[in-house]
Amino acid sequence: MIVDLGSSHADTYGQQEMTAYNVHYQTIGFHPLVAFDGLTGDFLQLNC
């Protein structure tokens, strides 16, 4: 199995828990780590 790891950014508004400032996007939000099967593209796991 080949595991393809990536990340994404989701803006948040208000006083949400587990958010942080992202210098690249210059906003506050979640920056979860996402895992996919590299052969089929199937979603495996999301880790915030």
N, C-alpha and C. Protein backbone atom coordinates (compact mmCIF):
# COMPACT_ATOMS: atom_id res chain seq x y z
N MET A 1 0.84 -1.17 0.00
CA MET A 1 0.00 0.00 0.00
C MET A 1 0.89 1.24 0.00
N ILE A 2 0.52 2.20 -0.79
CA ILE A 2 1.19 3.50 -0.81
C ILE A 2 0.25 4.48 -0.13
N VAL A 3 0.75 5.17 0.89
CA VAL A 3 -0.07 6.15 1.60
C VAL A 3 0.36 7.54 1.15
N ASP A 4 -0.60 8.30 0.65
CA ASP A 4 -0.37 9.66 0.18
C ASP A 4 -0.86 10.61 1.26
N LEU A 5 0.06 11.38 1.86
CA LEU A 5 -0.29 12.31 2.92
C LEU A 5 -0.37 13.72 2.36
N GLY A 6 -1.32 14.47 2.84
CA GLY A 6 -1.48 15.86 2.42
C GLY A 6 -2.13 16.65 3.53
N SER A 7 -2.22 17.94 3.32
CA SER A 7 -2.88 18.79 4.31
C SER A 7 -3.75 19.79 3.58
N SER A 8 -4.63 20.39 4.33
CA SER A 8 -5.56 21.37 3.78
C SER A 8 -5.76 22.45 4.83
N HIS A 9 -6.35 23.55 4.43
CA HIS A 9 -6.63 24.62 5.39
C HIS A 9 -8.11 24.96 5.30
N ALA A 10 -8.75 25.08 6.45
CA ALA A 10 -10.16 25.46 6.51
C ALA A 10 -10.29 26.64 7.47
N ASP A 11 -10.70 27.79 6.94
CA ASP A 11 -10.88 28.98 7.77
C ASP A 11 -11.95 28.73 8.83
N THR A 12 -11.76 29.34 10.00
CA THR A 12 -12.76 29.28 11.05
C THR A 12 -13.07 30.69 11.51
N TYR A 13 -14.22 30.86 12.12
CA TYR A 13 -14.66 32.16 12.60
C TYR A 13 -15.15 32.00 14.02
N GLY A 14 -14.92 33.00 14.86
CA GLY A 14 -15.33 32.92 16.25
C GLY A 14 -14.25 32.27 17.10
N GLN A 15 -14.62 31.78 18.25
CA GLN A 15 -13.69 31.21 19.22
C GLN A 15 -13.72 29.68 19.17
N GLN A 16 -13.35 29.09 18.05
CA GLN A 16 -13.37 27.63 17.91
C GLN A 16 -12.13 27.02 18.56
N GLU A 17 -12.33 25.84 19.16
CA GLU A 17 -11.22 25.12 19.78
C GLU A 17 -10.33 24.48 18.71
N MET A 18 -9.06 24.27 19.05
CA MET A 18 -8.08 23.57 18.22
C MET A 18 -7.78 24.28 16.89
N THR A 19 -7.92 25.61 16.87
CA THR A 19 -7.55 26.36 15.67
C THR A 19 -6.24 27.09 15.93
N ALA A 20 -5.59 27.50 14.86
CA ALA A 20 -4.32 28.21 14.99
C ALA A 20 -4.17 29.17 13.82
N TYR A 21 -3.31 30.16 13.99
CA TYR A 21 -3.03 31.11 12.93
C TYR A 21 -2.10 30.47 11.91
N ASN A 22 -2.41 30.60 10.64
CA ASN A 22 -1.59 30.07 9.57
C ASN A 22 -0.96 31.24 8.83
N VAL A 23 0.35 31.35 8.88
CA VAL A 23 1.06 32.48 8.29
C VAL A 23 0.89 32.50 6.77
N HIS A 24 0.91 31.34 6.13
CA HIS A 24 0.80 31.28 4.67
C HIS A 24 -0.55 31.84 4.19
N TYR A 25 -1.63 31.43 4.84
CA TYR A 25 -2.97 31.89 4.44
C TYR A 25 -3.38 33.18 5.16
N GLN A 26 -2.65 33.57 6.19
CA GLN A 26 -2.90 34.76 7.00
C GLN A 26 -4.32 34.76 7.58
N THR A 27 -4.77 33.59 8.02
CA THR A 27 -6.08 33.45 8.65
C THR A 27 -5.98 32.44 9.80
N ILE A 28 -7.01 32.40 10.60
CA ILE A 28 -7.11 31.41 11.67
C ILE A 28 -7.98 30.26 11.17
N GLY A 29 -7.55 29.03 11.45
CA GLY A 29 -8.35 27.90 11.00
C GLY A 29 -7.75 26.57 11.39
N PHE A 30 -8.37 25.52 10.86
CA PHE A 30 -7.88 24.16 11.05
C PHE A 30 -6.88 23.84 9.94
N HIS A 31 -5.89 23.01 10.23
CA HIS A 31 -4.92 22.56 9.23
C HIS A 31 -4.75 21.05 9.39
N PRO A 32 -5.77 20.30 8.97
CA PRO A 32 -5.75 18.85 9.20
C PRO A 32 -4.80 18.11 8.27
N LEU A 33 -4.31 16.97 8.75
CA LEU A 33 -3.51 16.05 7.96
C LEU A 33 -4.45 14.99 7.41
N VAL A 34 -4.37 14.74 6.10
CA VAL A 34 -5.28 13.82 5.42
C VAL A 34 -4.47 12.70 4.79
N ALA A 35 -4.97 11.46 4.88
CA ALA A 35 -4.29 10.30 4.29
C ALA A 35 -5.19 9.64 3.25
N PHE A 36 -4.59 9.33 2.09
CA PHE A 36 -5.28 8.64 1.00
C PHE A 36 -4.47 7.43 0.58
N ASP A 37 -5.15 6.42 0.04
CA ASP A 37 -4.48 5.28 -0.58
C ASP A 37 -3.91 5.78 -1.90
N GLY A 38 -2.60 5.69 -2.06
CA GLY A 38 -1.94 6.22 -3.24
C GLY A 38 -2.27 5.48 -4.53
N LEU A 39 -2.76 4.25 -4.45
CA LEU A 39 -3.09 3.48 -5.65
C LEU A 39 -4.53 3.69 -6.11
N THR A 40 -5.46 3.73 -5.17
CA THR A 40 -6.88 3.85 -5.53
C THR A 40 -7.43 5.25 -5.32
N GLY A 41 -6.74 6.08 -4.51
CA GLY A 41 -7.25 7.41 -4.19
C GLY A 41 -8.30 7.41 -3.10
N ASP A 42 -8.55 6.24 -2.50
CA ASP A 42 -9.54 6.14 -1.42
C ASP A 42 -9.08 6.92 -0.20
N PHE A 43 -10.04 7.59 0.45
CA PHE A 43 -9.79 8.33 1.68
C PHE A 43 -9.53 7.34 2.81
N LEU A 44 -8.47 7.56 3.60
CA LEU A 44 -8.14 6.66 4.70
C LEU A 44 -8.42 7.28 6.06
N GLN A 45 -7.92 8.51 6.31
CA GLN A 45 -8.07 9.09 7.64
C GLN A 45 -7.86 10.59 7.61
N LEU A 46 -8.52 11.28 8.54
CA LEU A 46 -8.37 12.71 8.76
C LEU A 46 -7.92 12.90 10.19
N ASN A 47 -6.86 13.67 10.41
CA ASN A 47 -6.33 13.91 11.74
C ASN A 47 -6.18 15.40 11.95
N CYS A 48 -6.96 15.97 12.87
CA CYS A 48 -6.90 17.41 13.14
C CYS A 48 -5.91 17.71 14.24
